[in-house]
Amino acid sequence: MKREALDFLADNVHFTKRFAFYVGRRCRQASIRDVAKELKLDWDTVKALEKQYMQAQLKRAGTPGPRAVGIDEISIRKGHSYRIVVSDLVRKRAIWFGGTDRSEASMAQFYEGLGPKKTRKIQLAVMDMWKPFCNVTKDKAPQAAILFDKFHIMRHLGEALDKVRKAEYARVNGKNRRFIKGQKYNLLSRYQNLTLEGKRSLKILLAANKRLNTAYILKEAFGQLWDYGREGWARRFFENWRASLKWQRLGPYERFADMIDRHWDGIAAYCKPETRSRSVSSKASTTKSACSSDEPMDCATKNTSASRFSPACCRLCSGI
């Protein structure tokens, strides 16, 4: 008995490729469970058909050649299990999803898959201040300017403000604690984003606690750092902001200022005209924009195939 391979059949011979691609397109808009229920198929069958659709999309996309990349990590399950996502900032799409953690070895897989020729064309790399990402980028793409995104820097400042809030709550007595209790998100939010009730509560808190008032004003003022078009002016602003911490007894803020000083090169890169022209201030928004893309995600690795991807993660990063 001889079996003949037919081009129009999917990997699962019970279905055609056309039907497999229909299932894949439906999975871009709904979960695997919902698609399986709609088409009266088994969950594993739908997942296998979706993977075939993803493989075809990756093959069509080819190897990317980015000029500016955003590097971030996402958690795929509980227990600090991460995968690295690299996005093309110009095309606003994810181009790589892989690795086994956030280590240098996992980050190096991206550049090895991209190849030396295309790696040399990268001009800008946006990332958080995670050292393995920075070290590998400097080693593999030394010509690229490294930019630490504003979102993660302001998150560190927000964490410093929250530590001050907790310290003040522990310091004051019971009567004065009522002003601080329940005010965490009013303190961490931008003032213009607060509701009318939130603004009233914040006003009462800042009037009742001088140290939190100082910490809040410094937090709001620090955002001005990204308004400067020249590194010299930005550095002068930072030094003045840092000097204002003197005698304020804000230990978390002093540690935050030391961290900014250690990573200044990655922050000052935002003042360069070629960096500003790309209008990139946050890696988080990069990943978010890649999530909304309808284009297929590229795959630059040799050891990370579509069959090993989590379909949910791929749809999250690229809209496949």
C-alpha atoms as a PDB file:
ATOM      1  CA  MET A   1       0.000   0.000   0.000  1.00  0.00           C
ATOM      2  CA  LYS A   2       1.452   3.331  -1.100  1.00  0.00           C
ATOM      3  CA  ARG A   3       0.582   6.681   0.498  1.00  0.00           C
ATOM      4  CA  GLU A   4       0.844   9.802  -1.606  1.00  0.00           C
ATOM      5  CA  ALA A   5       1.610  13.225  -0.125  1.00  0.00           C
ATOM      6  CA  LEU A   6      -0.868  15.891  -1.201  1.00  0.00           C
ATOM      7  CA  ASP A   7       0.209  19.538  -1.145  1.00  0.00           C
ATOM      8  CA  PHE A   8      -3.169  20.851  -0.067  1.00  0.00           C
ATOM      9  CA  LEU A   9      -3.266  18.769   3.151  1.00  0.00           C
ATOM     10  CA  ALA A  10      -2.169  20.125   6.502  1.00  0.00           C
ATOM     11  CA  ASP A  11       0.257  18.323   8.803  1.00  0.00           C
ATOM     12  CA  ASN A  12      -2.831  16.687  10.252  1.00  0.00           C
ATOM     13  CA  VAL A  13      -4.084  14.837   7.181  1.00  0.00           C
ATOM     14  CA  HIS A  14      -7.689  15.123   8.337  1.00  0.00           C
ATOM     15  CA  PHE A  15      -7.645  18.834   7.441  1.00  0.00           C
ATOM     16  CA  THR A  16      -6.575  20.987   4.505  1.00  0.00           C
ATOM     17  CA  LYS A  17      -4.002  23.787   4.726  1.00  0.00           C
ATOM     18  CA  ARG A  18      -6.730  26.278   3.911  1.00  0.00           C
ATOM     19  CA  PHE A  19      -8.692  25.153   6.956  1.00  0.00           C
ATOM     20  CA  ALA A  20      -5.537  25.205   9.125  1.00  0.00           C
ATOM     21  CA  PHE A  21      -4.879  28.808   8.125  1.00  0.00           C
ATOM     22  CA  TYR A  22      -8.503  29.688   8.868  1.00  0.00           C
ATOM     23  CA  VAL A  23      -8.069  28.242  12.352  1.00  0.00           C
ATOM     24  CA  GLY A  24      -4.843  30.227  12.784  1.00  0.00           C
ATOM     25  CA  ARG A  25      -6.529  33.485  11.791  1.00  0.00           C
ATOM     26  CA  ARG A  26      -9.410  32.775  14.176  1.00  0.00           C
ATOM     27  CA  CYS A  27      -6.900  32.230  16.993  1.00  0.00           C
ATOM     28  CA  ARG A  28      -5.657  35.775  16.454  1.00  0.00           C
ATOM     29  CA  GLN A  29      -9.049  36.999  17.638  1.00  0.00           C
ATOM     30  CA  ALA A  30     -10.056  34.369  20.208  1.00  0.00           C
ATOM     31  CA  SER A  31      -8.570  31.831  22.601  1.00  0.00           C
ATOM     32  CA  ILE A  32      -7.807  28.267  21.543  1.00  0.00           C
ATOM     33  CA  ARG A  33     -10.586  26.999  23.791  1.00  0.00           C
ATOM     34  CA  ASP A  34     -13.166  29.297  22.204  1.00  0.00           C
ATOM     35  CA  VAL A  35     -12.081  28.353  18.679  1.00  0.00           C
ATOM     36  CA  ALA A  36     -12.209  24.655  19.547  1.00  0.00           C
ATOM     37  CA  LYS A  37     -15.735  25.084  20.916  1.00  0.00           C
ATOM     38  CA  GLU A  38     -16.838  27.064  17.850  1.00  0.00           C
ATOM     39  CA  LEU A  39     -15.464  24.539  15.346  1.00  0.00           C
ATOM     40  CA  LYS A  40     -16.268  21.484  17.492  1.00  0.00           C
ATOM     41  CA  LEU A  41     -12.645  20.339  17.553  1.00  0.00           C
ATOM     42  CA  ASP A  42     -10.317  19.057  20.227  1.00  0.00           C
ATOM     43  CA  TRP A  43      -8.150  21.671  21.984  1.00  0.00           C
ATOM     44  CA  ASP A  44      -4.902  19.910  20.984  1.00  0.00           C
ATOM     45  CA  THR A  45      -6.045  19.758  17.359  1.00  0.00           C
ATOM     46  CA  VAL A  46      -6.670  23.514  17.257  1.00  0.00           C
ATOM     47  CA  LYS A  47      -3.310  24.192  18.880  1.00  0.00           C
ATOM     48  CA  ALA A  48      -1.501  22.017  16.310  1.00  0.00           C
ATOM     49  CA  LEU A  49      -3.255  23.757  13.404  1.00  0.00           C
ATOM     50  CA  GLU A  50      -2.420  27.150  14.847  1.00  0.00           C
ATOM     51  CA  LYS A  51       1.256  26.205  15.131  1.00  0.00           C
ATOM     52  CA  GLN A  52       1.287  25.250  11.435  1.00  0.00           C
ATOM     53  CA  TYR A  53      -0.206  28.649  10.621  1.00  0.00           C
ATOM     54  CA  MET A  54       2.447  30.349  12.746  1.00  0.00           C
ATOM     55  CA  GLN A  55       5.243  28.432  11.018  1.00  0.00           C
ATOM     56  CA  ALA A  56       3.995  29.618   7.645  1.00  0.00           C
ATOM     57  CA  GLN A  57       3.852  33.221   8.880  1.00  0.00           C
ATOM     58  CA  LEU A  58       7.387  33.050  10.272  1.00  0.00           C
ATOM     59  CA  LYS A  59       8.707  31.602   7.019  1.00  0.00           C
ATOM     60  CA  ARG A  60       7.033  34.382   5.037  1.00  0.00           C
ATOM     61  CA  ALA A  61       8.419  37.103   7.312  1.00  0.00           C
ATOM     62  CA  GLY A  62      12.058  36.135   6.788  1.00  0.00           C
ATOM     63  CA  THR A  63      14.998  37.375   8.847  1.00  0.00           C
ATOM     64  CA  PRO A  64      14.592  40.925  10.201  1.00  0.00           C
ATOM     65  CA  GLY A  65      17.097  43.735   9.720  1.00  0.00           C
ATOM     66  CA  PRO A  66      16.277  46.263  12.463  1.00  0.00           C
ATOM     67  CA  ARG A  67      17.926  49.650  12.924  1.00  0.00           C
ATOM     68  CA  ALA A  68      16.481  50.239  16.412  1.00  0.00           C
ATOM     69  CA  VAL A  69      15.458  47.493  18.829  1.00  0.00           C
ATOM     70  CA  GLY A  70      13.576  47.377  22.114  1.00  0.00           C
ATOM     71  CA  ILE A  71      14.564  44.589  24.520  1.00  0.00           C
ATOM     72  CA  ASP A  72      12.266  43.400  27.287  1.00  0.00           C
ATOM     73  CA  GLU A  73      11.289  40.238  29.108  1.00  0.00           C
ATOM     74  CA  ILE A  74       7.903  38.709  29.804  1.00  0.00           C
ATOM     75  CA  SER A  75       6.907  36.144  32.399  1.00  0.00           C
ATOM     76  CA  ILE A  76       5.415  32.996  30.898  1.00  0.00           C
ATOM     77  CA  ARG A  77       4.432  31.363  34.205  1.00  0.00           C
ATOM     78  CA  LYS A  78       4.759  31.770  37.956  1.00  0.00           C
ATOM     79  CA  GLY A  79       8.138  31.192  39.541  1.00  0.00           C
ATOM     80  CA  HIS A  80      10.269  33.766  37.702  1.00  0.00           C
ATOM     81  CA  SER A  81      10.221  31.951  34.365  1.00  0.00           C
ATOM     82  CA  TYR A  82      11.020  34.528  31.692  1.00  0.00           C
ATOM     83  CA  ARG A  83      11.471  34.785  27.942  1.00  0.00           C
ATOM     84  CA  ILE A  84      13.087  37.670  26.082  1.00  0.00           C
ATOM     85  CA  VAL A  85      11.131  39.745  23.549  1.00  0.00           C
ATOM     86  CA  VAL A  86      12.956  41.929  21.020  1.00  0.00           C
ATOM     87  CA  SER A  87      10.970  44.474  18.996  1.00  0.00           C
ATOM     88  CA  ASP A  88      11.757  46.526  15.916  1.00  0.00           C
ATOM     89  CA  LEU A  89      11.057  50.110  17.028  1.00  0.00           C
ATOM     90  CA  VAL A  90      10.837  51.481  13.499  1.00  0.00           C
ATOM     91  CA  ARG A  91       8.345  48.924  12.184  1.00  0.00           C
ATOM     92  CA  LYS A  92       6.653  48.605  15.621  1.00  0.00           C
ATOM     93  CA  ARG A  93       6.563  44.837  15.676  1.00  0.00           C
ATOM     94  CA  ALA A  94       8.100  41.993  17.653  1.00  0.00           C
ATOM     95  CA  ILE A  95      10.892  40.205  15.789  1.00  0.00           C
ATOM     96  CA  TRP A  96      12.186  37.656  18.295  1.00  0.00           C
ATOM     97  CA  PHE A  97      10.866  35.661  21.221  1.00  0.00           C
ATOM     98  CA  GLY A  98      13.203  33.163  22.833  1.00  0.00           C
ATOM     99  CA  GLY A  99      15.815  32.221  25.361  1.00  0.00           C
ATOM    100  CA  THR A 100      15.273  30.241  28.532  1.00  0.00           C
ATOM    101  CA  ASP A 101      15.672  33.088  31.039  1.00  0.00           C
ATOM    102  CA  ARG A 102      17.049  36.649  31.274  1.00  0.00           C
ATOM    103  CA  SER A 103      20.720  35.650  31.218  1.00  0.00           C
ATOM    104  CA  GLU A 104      23.485  36.803  28.896  1.00  0.00           C
ATOM    105  CA  ALA A 105      23.446  33.437  27.146  1.00  0.00           C
ATOM    106  CA  SER A 106      19.770  33.811  26.281  1.00  0.00           C
ATOM    107  CA  MET A 107      20.246  37.401  25.079  1.00  0.00           C
ATOM    108  CA  ALA A 108      23.204  36.338  22.918  1.00  0.00           C
ATOM    109  CA  GLN A 109      20.930  33.935  21.031  1.00  0.00           C
ATOM    110  CA  PHE A 110      19.165  36.880  19.405  1.00  0.00           C
ATOM    111  CA  TYR A 111      22.346  38.431  18.025  1.00  0.00           C
ATOM    112  CA  GLU A 112      23.727  35.051  16.927  1.00  0.00           C
ATOM    113  CA  GLY A 113      20.538  34.318  14.999  1.00  0.00           C
ATOM    114  CA  LEU A 114      20.494  37.804  13.488  1.00  0.00           C
ATOM    115  CA  GLY A 115      24.040  37.429  12.208  1.00  0.00           C
ATOM    116  CA  PRO A 116      27.054  39.795  12.329  1.00  0.00           C
ATOM    117  CA  LYS A 117      26.085  41.724   9.177  1.00  0.00           C
ATOM    118  CA  LYS A 118      22.614  42.723  10.368  1.00  0.00           C
ATOM    119  CA  THR A 119      23.789  43.196  13.953  1.00  0.00           C
ATOM    120  CA  ARG A 120      26.207  45.891  12.759  1.00  0.00           C
ATOM    121  CA  LYS A 121      23.258  47.848  11.346  1.00  0.00           C
ATOM    122  CA  ILE A 122      21.582  48.294  14.755  1.00  0.00           C
ATOM    123  CA  GLN A 123      21.917  51.934  15.753  1.00  0.00           C
ATOM    124  CA  LEU A 124      19.791  52.068  18.904  1.00  0.00           C
ATOM    125  CA  ALA A 125      18.896  49.579  21.654  1.00  0.00           C
ATOM    126  CA  VAL A 126      16.227  50.489  24.208  1.00  0.00           C
ATOM    127  CA  MET A 127      16.100  48.422  27.388  1.00  0.00           C
ATOM    128  CA  ASP A 128      15.762  48.550  31.144  1.00  0.00           C
ATOM    129  CA  MET A 129      18.847  48.629  33.356  1.00  0.00           C
ATOM    130  CA  TRP A 130      19.187  44.839  33.463  1.00  0.00           C
ATOM    131  CA  LYS A 131      22.941  44.237  33.290  1.00  0.00           C
ATOM    132  CA  PRO A 132      22.968  41.046  31.112  1.00  0.00           C
ATOM    133  CA  PHE A 133      21.022  42.839  28.338  1.00  0.00           C
ATOM    134  CA  CYS A 134      23.408  45.788  28.469  1.00  0.00           C
ATOM    135  CA  ASN A 135      26.583  43.671  28.551  1.00  0.00           C
ATOM    136  CA  VAL A 136      25.613  41.494  25.590  1.00  0.00           C
ATOM    137  CA  THR A 137      24.500  44.484  23.505  1.00  0.00           C
ATOM    138  CA  LYS A 138      27.795  46.276  24.148  1.00  0.00           C
ATOM    139  CA  ASP A 139      29.693  43.131  23.156  1.00  0.00           C
ATOM    140  CA  LYS A 140      27.683  42.132  20.065  1.00  0.00           C
ATOM    141  CA  ALA A 141      26.602  45.576  18.814  1.00  0.00           C
ATOM    142  CA  PRO A 142      29.152  48.103  20.149  1.00  0.00           C
ATOM    143  CA  GLN A 143      28.084  50.710  17.577  1.00  0.00           C
ATOM    144  CA  ALA A 144      24.526  50.866  18.966  1.00  0.00           C
ATOM    145  CA  ALA A 145      23.536  53.614  21.393  1.00  0.00           C
ATOM    146  CA  ILE A 146      21.999  52.121  24.550  1.00  0.00           C
ATOM    147  CA  LEU A 147      18.973  53.954  25.922  1.00  0.00           C
ATOM    148  CA  PHE A 148      17.382  53.141  29.283  1.00  0.00           C
ATOM    149  CA  ASP A 149      13.669  53.689  28.985  1.00  0.00           C
ATOM    150  CA  LYS A 150      11.821  56.298  31.000  1.00  0.00           C
ATOM    151  CA  PHE A 151       9.097  53.926  32.186  1.00  0.00           C
ATOM    152  CA  HIS A 152      11.447  51.693  34.189  1.00  0.00           C
ATOM    153  CA  ILE A 153      13.414  54.634  35.589  1.00  0.00           C
ATOM    154  CA  MET A 154      10.243  56.310  36.855  1.00  0.00           C
ATOM    155  CA  ARG A 155       9.121  52.970  38.274  1.00  0.00           C
ATOM    156  CA  HIS A 156      12.289  52.872  40.399  1.00  0.00           C
ATOM    157  CA  LEU A 157      11.527  56.397  41.583  1.00  0.00           C
ATOM    158  CA  GLY A 158       7.962  55.343  42.418  1.00  0.00           C
ATOM    159  CA  GLU A 159       9.323  52.443  44.474  1.00  0.00           C
ATOM    160  CA  ALA A 160      11.576  54.886  46.351  1.00  0.00           C
ATOM    161  CA  LEU A 161       8.562  57.106  47.094  1.00  0.00           C
ATOM    162  CA  ASP A 162       6.612  54.096  48.368  1.00  0.00           C
ATOM    163  CA  LYS A 163       9.469  53.207  50.728  1.00  0.00           C
ATOM    164  CA  VAL A 164       9.338  56.750  52.112  1.00  0.00           C
ATOM    165  CA  ARG A 165       5.567  56.373  52.571  1.00  0.00           C
ATOM    166  CA  LYS A 166       6.000  53.113  54.494  1.00  0.00           C
ATOM    167  CA  ALA A 167       8.734  54.634  56.668  1.00  0.00           C
ATOM    168  CA  GLU A 168       6.536  57.618  57.495  1.00  0.00           C
ATOM    169  CA  TYR A 169       3.603  55.351  58.327  1.00  0.00           C
ATOM    170  CA  ALA A 170       5.825  53.472  60.788  1.00  0.00           C
ATOM    171  CA  ARG A 171       7.259  56.689  62.272  1.00  0.00           C
ATOM    172  CA  VAL A 172       4.118  58.669  63.057  1.00  0.00           C
ATOM    173  CA  ASN A 173       1.617  57.819  65.781  1.00  0.00           C
ATOM    174  CA  GLY A 174      -1.864  56.389  65.317  1.00  0.00           C
ATOM    175  CA  LYS A 175      -3.707  59.687  64.950  1.00  0.00           C
ATOM    176  CA  ASN A 176      -1.536  60.910  62.081  1.00  0.00           C
ATOM    177  CA  ARG A 177      -1.500  57.556  60.302  1.00  0.00           C
ATOM    178  CA  ARG A 178      -5.011  58.118  59.006  1.00  0.00           C
ATOM    179  CA  PHE A 179      -3.659  60.688  56.515  1.00  0.00           C
ATOM    180  CA  ILE A 180      -1.204  58.159  55.020  1.00  0.00           C
ATOM    181  CA  LYS A 181      -3.338  55.019  55.026  1.00  0.00           C
ATOM    182  CA  GLY A 182      -4.795  54.183  51.612  1.00  0.00           C
ATOM    183  CA  GLN A 183      -2.851  56.927  49.789  1.00  0.00           C
ATOM    184  CA  LYS A 184      -0.292  54.744  47.964  1.00  0.00           C
ATOM    185  CA  TYR A 185      -1.782  55.072  44.483  1.00  0.00           C
ATOM    186  CA  ASN A 186      -2.578  58.773  44.890  1.00  0.00           C
ATOM    187  CA  LEU A 187       1.118  59.346  45.616  1.00  0.00           C
ATOM    188  CA  LEU A 188       2.399  57.176  42.776  1.00  0.00           C
ATOM    189  CA  SER A 189      -0.009  58.461  40.098  1.00  0.00           C
ATOM    190  CA  ARG A 190       0.566  61.557  37.992  1.00  0.00           C
ATOM    191  CA  TYR A 191      -1.358  64.473  39.435  1.00  0.00           C
ATOM    192  CA  GLN A 192      -3.280  65.103  36.205  1.00  0.00           C
ATOM    193  CA  ASN A 193      -4.462  61.490  36.199  1.00  0.00           C
ATOM    194  CA  LEU A 194      -6.066  61.672  39.644  1.00  0.00           C
ATOM    195  CA  THR A 195      -9.797  61.980  40.179  1.00  0.00           C
ATOM    196  CA  LEU A 196     -11.187  64.993  42.012  1.00  0.00           C
ATOM    197  CA  GLU A 197     -11.511  62.938  45.186  1.00  0.00           C
ATOM    198  CA  GLY A 198      -7.940  61.674  44.773  1.00  0.00           C
ATOM    199  CA  LYS A 199      -6.613  65.223  44.426  1.00  0.00           C
ATOM    200  CA  ARG A 200      -8.436  66.282  47.600  1.00  0.00           C
ATOM    201  CA  SER A 201      -7.046  63.328  49.585  1.00  0.00           C
ATOM    202  CA  LEU A 202      -3.541  63.975  48.270  1.00  0.00           C
ATOM    203  CA  LYS A 203      -3.751  67.658  49.223  1.00  0.00           C
ATOM    204  CA  ILE A 204      -4.704  66.759  52.787  1.00  0.00           C
ATOM    205  CA  LEU A 205      -1.875  64.214  53.032  1.00  0.00           C
ATOM    206  CA  LEU A 206       0.814  66.574  51.720  1.00  0.00           C
ATOM    207  CA  ALA A 207      -0.331  69.301  54.096  1.00  0.00           C
ATOM    208  CA  ALA A 208      -0.145  66.886  57.058  1.00  0.00           C
ATOM    209  CA  ASN A 209       3.273  65.306  56.335  1.00  0.00           C
ATOM    210  CA  LYS A 210       6.177  67.520  55.307  1.00  0.00           C
ATOM    211  CA  ARG A 211       8.537  64.693  54.334  1.00  0.00           C
ATOM    212  CA  LEU A 212       6.008  63.056  52.014  1.00  0.00           C
ATOM    213  CA  ASN A 213       5.254  66.486  50.557  1.00  0.00           C
ATOM    214  CA  THR A 214       8.949  66.961  49.716  1.00  0.00           C
ATOM    215  CA  ALA A 215       9.248  63.440  48.291  1.00  0.00           C
ATOM    216  CA  TYR A 216       6.156  63.909  46.113  1.00  0.00           C
ATOM    217  CA  ILE A 217       7.362  67.255  44.711  1.00  0.00           C
ATOM    218  CA  LEU A 218      10.762  65.756  43.902  1.00  0.00           C
ATOM    219  CA  LYS A 219       9.107  62.812  42.166  1.00  0.00           C
ATOM    220  CA  GLU A 220       6.974  65.076  39.982  1.00  0.00           C
ATOM    221  CA  ALA A 221       9.931  67.362  39.204  1.00  0.00           C
ATOM    222  CA  PHE A 222      12.225  64.525  38.090  1.00  0.00           C
ATOM    223  CA  GLY A 223      10.148  63.950  34.951  1.00  0.00           C
ATOM    224  CA  GLN A 224      11.535  67.232  33.600  1.00  0.00           C
ATOM    225  CA  LEU A 225      14.847  65.440  32.938  1.00  0.00           C
ATOM    226  CA  TRP A 226      13.527  64.125  29.597  1.00  0.00           C
ATOM    227  CA  ASP A 227      12.558  67.596  28.364  1.00  0.00           C
ATOM    228  CA  TYR A 228      16.159  68.700  27.761  1.00  0.00           C
ATOM    229  CA  GLY A 229      17.634  68.492  24.277  1.00  0.00           C
ATOM    230  CA  ARG A 230      21.269  68.706  25.394  1.00  0.00           C
ATOM    231  CA  GLU A 231      23.135  66.424  27.738  1.00  0.00           C
ATOM    232  CA  GLY A 232      24.845  69.300  29.543  1.00  0.00           C
ATOM    233  CA  TRP A 233      21.553  70.894  30.557  1.00  0.00           C
ATOM    234  CA  ALA A 234      20.107  67.530  31.541  1.00  0.00           C
ATOM    235  CA  ARG A 235      23.143  66.813  33.718  1.00  0.00           C
ATOM    236  CA  ARG A 236      22.883  70.224  35.375  1.00  0.00           C
ATOM    237  CA  PHE A 237      19.228  69.609  36.159  1.00  0.00           C
ATOM    238  CA  PHE A 238      20.038  66.197  37.656  1.00  0.00           C
ATOM    239  CA  GLU A 239      22.833  67.607  39.822  1.00  0.00           C
ATOM    240  CA  ASN A 240      20.504  70.335  41.118  1.00  0.00           C
ATOM    241  CA  TRP A 241      17.797  67.750  41.793  1.00  0.00           C
ATOM    242  CA  ARG A 242      20.310  65.572  43.617  1.00  0.00           C
ATOM    243  CA  ALA A 243      21.573  68.535  45.665  1.00  0.00           C
ATOM    244  CA  SER A 244      18.018  69.238  46.816  1.00  0.00           C
ATOM    245  CA  LEU A 245      18.054  65.891  48.653  1.00  0.00           C
ATOM    246  CA  LYS A 246      20.564  67.239  51.148  1.00  0.00           C
ATOM    247  CA  TRP A 247      19.236  67.388  54.720  1.00  0.00           C
ATOM    248  CA  GLN A 248      15.908  65.890  53.621  1.00  0.00           C
ATOM    249  CA  ARG A 249      16.590  62.439  55.171  1.00  0.00           C
ATOM    250  CA  LEU A 250      15.208  60.625  52.129  1.00  0.00           C
ATOM    251  CA  GLY A 251      17.413  57.540  52.014  1.00  0.00           C
ATOM    252  CA  PRO A 252      15.548  55.739  49.176  1.00  0.00           C
ATOM    253  CA  TYR A 253      15.819  58.860  47.017  1.00  0.00           C
ATOM    254  CA  GLU A 254      19.558  59.108  47.637  1.00  0.00           C
ATOM    255  CA  ARG A 255      20.000  55.489  46.556  1.00  0.00           C
ATOM    256  CA  PHE A 256      17.885  56.193  43.471  1.00  0.00           C
ATOM    257  CA  ALA A 257      20.115  59.182  42.609  1.00  0.00           C
ATOM    258  CA  ASP A 258      23.217  56.983  42.947  1.00  0.00           C
ATOM    259  CA  MET A 259      21.650  54.449  40.560  1.00  0.00           C
ATOM    260  CA  ILE A 260      20.913  57.190  38.003  1.00  0.00           C
ATOM    261  CA  ASP A 261      24.495  58.418  38.267  1.00  0.00           C
ATOM    262  CA  ARG A 262      25.851  54.907  37.603  1.00  0.00           C
ATOM    263  CA  HIS A 263      23.641  54.498  34.533  1.00  0.00           C
ATOM    264  CA  TRP A 264      23.898  58.062  33.264  1.00  0.00           C
ATOM    265  CA  ASP A 265      25.216  57.185  29.793  1.00  0.00           C
ATOM    266  CA  GLY A 266      22.075  55.203  29.000  1.00  0.00           C
ATOM    267  CA  ILE A 267      19.867  58.074  30.138  1.00  0.00           C
ATOM    268  CA  ALA A 268      21.841  60.871  28.481  1.00  0.00           C
ATOM    269  CA  ALA A 269      21.478  59.085  25.128  1.00  0.00           C
ATOM    270  CA  TYR A 270      17.918  60.413  25.011  1.00  0.00           C
ATOM    271  CA  CYS A 271      19.303  63.927  24.488  1.00  0.00           C
ATOM    272  CA  LYS A 272      20.988  62.996  21.218  1.00  0.00           C
ATOM    273  CA  PRO A 273      19.139  64.255  18.105  1.00  0.00           C
ATOM    274  CA  GLU A 274      19.263  60.890  16.321  1.00  0.00           C
ATOM    275  CA  THR A 275      17.664  59.237  19.356  1.00  0.00           C
ATOM    276  CA  ARG A 276      14.999  61.923  19.744  1.00  0.00           C
ATOM    277  CA  SER A 277      14.058  61.655  16.083  1.00  0.00           C
ATOM    278  CA  ARG A 278      12.798  58.136  16.716  1.00  0.00           C
ATOM    279  CA  SER A 279      10.465  59.418  19.441  1.00  0.00           C
ATOM    280  CA  VAL A 280      11.306  56.511  21.708  1.00  0.00           C
ATOM    281  CA  SER A 281      10.988  57.156  25.451  1.00  0.00           C
ATOM    282  CA  SER A 282       9.700  53.884  26.811  1.00  0.00           C
ATOM    283  CA  LYS A 283      10.475  50.269  26.051  1.00  0.00           C
ATOM    284  CA  ALA A 284       7.183  49.272  27.603  1.00  0.00           C
ATOM    285  CA  SER A 285       5.305  51.219  24.977  1.00  0.00           C
ATOM    286  CA  THR A 286       7.478  49.468  22.391  1.00  0.00           C
ATOM    287  CA  THR A 287       6.272  46.052  23.480  1.00  0.00           C
ATOM    288  CA  LYS A 288       2.732  47.370  23.673  1.00  0.00           C
ATOM    289  CA  SER A 289       2.888  48.684  20.118  1.00  0.00           C
ATOM    290  CA  ALA A 290       4.289  45.360  18.946  1.00  0.00           C
ATOM    291  CA  CYS A 291       1.367  43.622  20.615  1.00  0.00           C
ATOM    292  CA  SER A 292      -1.083  45.604  18.499  1.00  0.00           C
ATOM    293  CA  SER A 293       0.685  44.820  15.219  1.00  0.00           C
ATOM    294  CA  ASP A 294      -1.126  42.682  12.663  1.00  0.00           C
ATOM    295  CA  GLU A 295       2.102  41.713  10.908  1.00  0.00           C
ATOM    296  CA  PRO A 296       3.732  38.330  11.545  1.00  0.00           C
ATOM    297  CA  MET A 297       6.551  38.071  14.021  1.00  0.00           C
ATOM    298  CA  ASP A 298       9.940  37.299  12.559  1.00  0.00           C
ATOM    299  CA  CYS A 299      12.199  34.610  13.954  1.00  0.00           C
ATOM    300  CA  ALA A 300      15.948  35.269  13.945  1.00  0.00           C
ATOM    301  CA  THR A 301      17.036  32.189  15.843  1.00  0.00           C
ATOM    302  CA  LYS A 302      18.155  28.839  14.582  1.00  0.00           C
ATOM    303  CA  ASN A 303      17.384  26.964  17.799  1.00  0.00           C
ATOM    304  CA  THR A 304      13.953  28.437  18.528  1.00  0.00           C
ATOM    305  CA  SER A 305      11.313  27.080  16.208  1.00  0.00           C
ATOM    306  CA  ALA A 306       7.654  27.990  16.010  1.00  0.00           C
ATOM    307  CA  SER A 307       6.729  24.606  17.425  1.00  0.00           C
ATOM    308  CA  ARG A 308       8.426  25.554  20.711  1.00  0.00           C
ATOM    309  CA  PHE A 309       6.644  28.894  21.028  1.00  0.00           C
ATOM    310  CA  SER A 310       3.737  29.360  23.375  1.00  0.00           C
ATOM    311  CA  PRO A 311       0.954  30.440  20.957  1.00  0.00           C
ATOM    312  CA  ALA A 312      -0.456  32.820  23.553  1.00  0.00           C
ATOM    313  CA  CYS A 313       2.921  34.548  23.941  1.00  0.00           C
ATOM    314  CA  CYS A 314       3.377  34.827  20.196  1.00  0.00           C
ATOM    315  CA  ARG A 315      -0.061  36.361  19.762  1.00  0.00           C
ATOM    316  CA  LEU A 316       0.666  38.688  22.652  1.00  0.00           C
ATOM    317  CA  CYS A 317       3.917  39.916  21.125  1.00  0.00           C
ATOM    318  CA  SER A 318       3.042  40.106  17.470  1.00  0.00           C
ATOM    319  CA  GLY A 319      -0.619  39.578  16.764  1.00  0.00           C
ATOM    320  CA  ILE A 320      -0.037  36.303  14.934  1.00  0.00           C
END
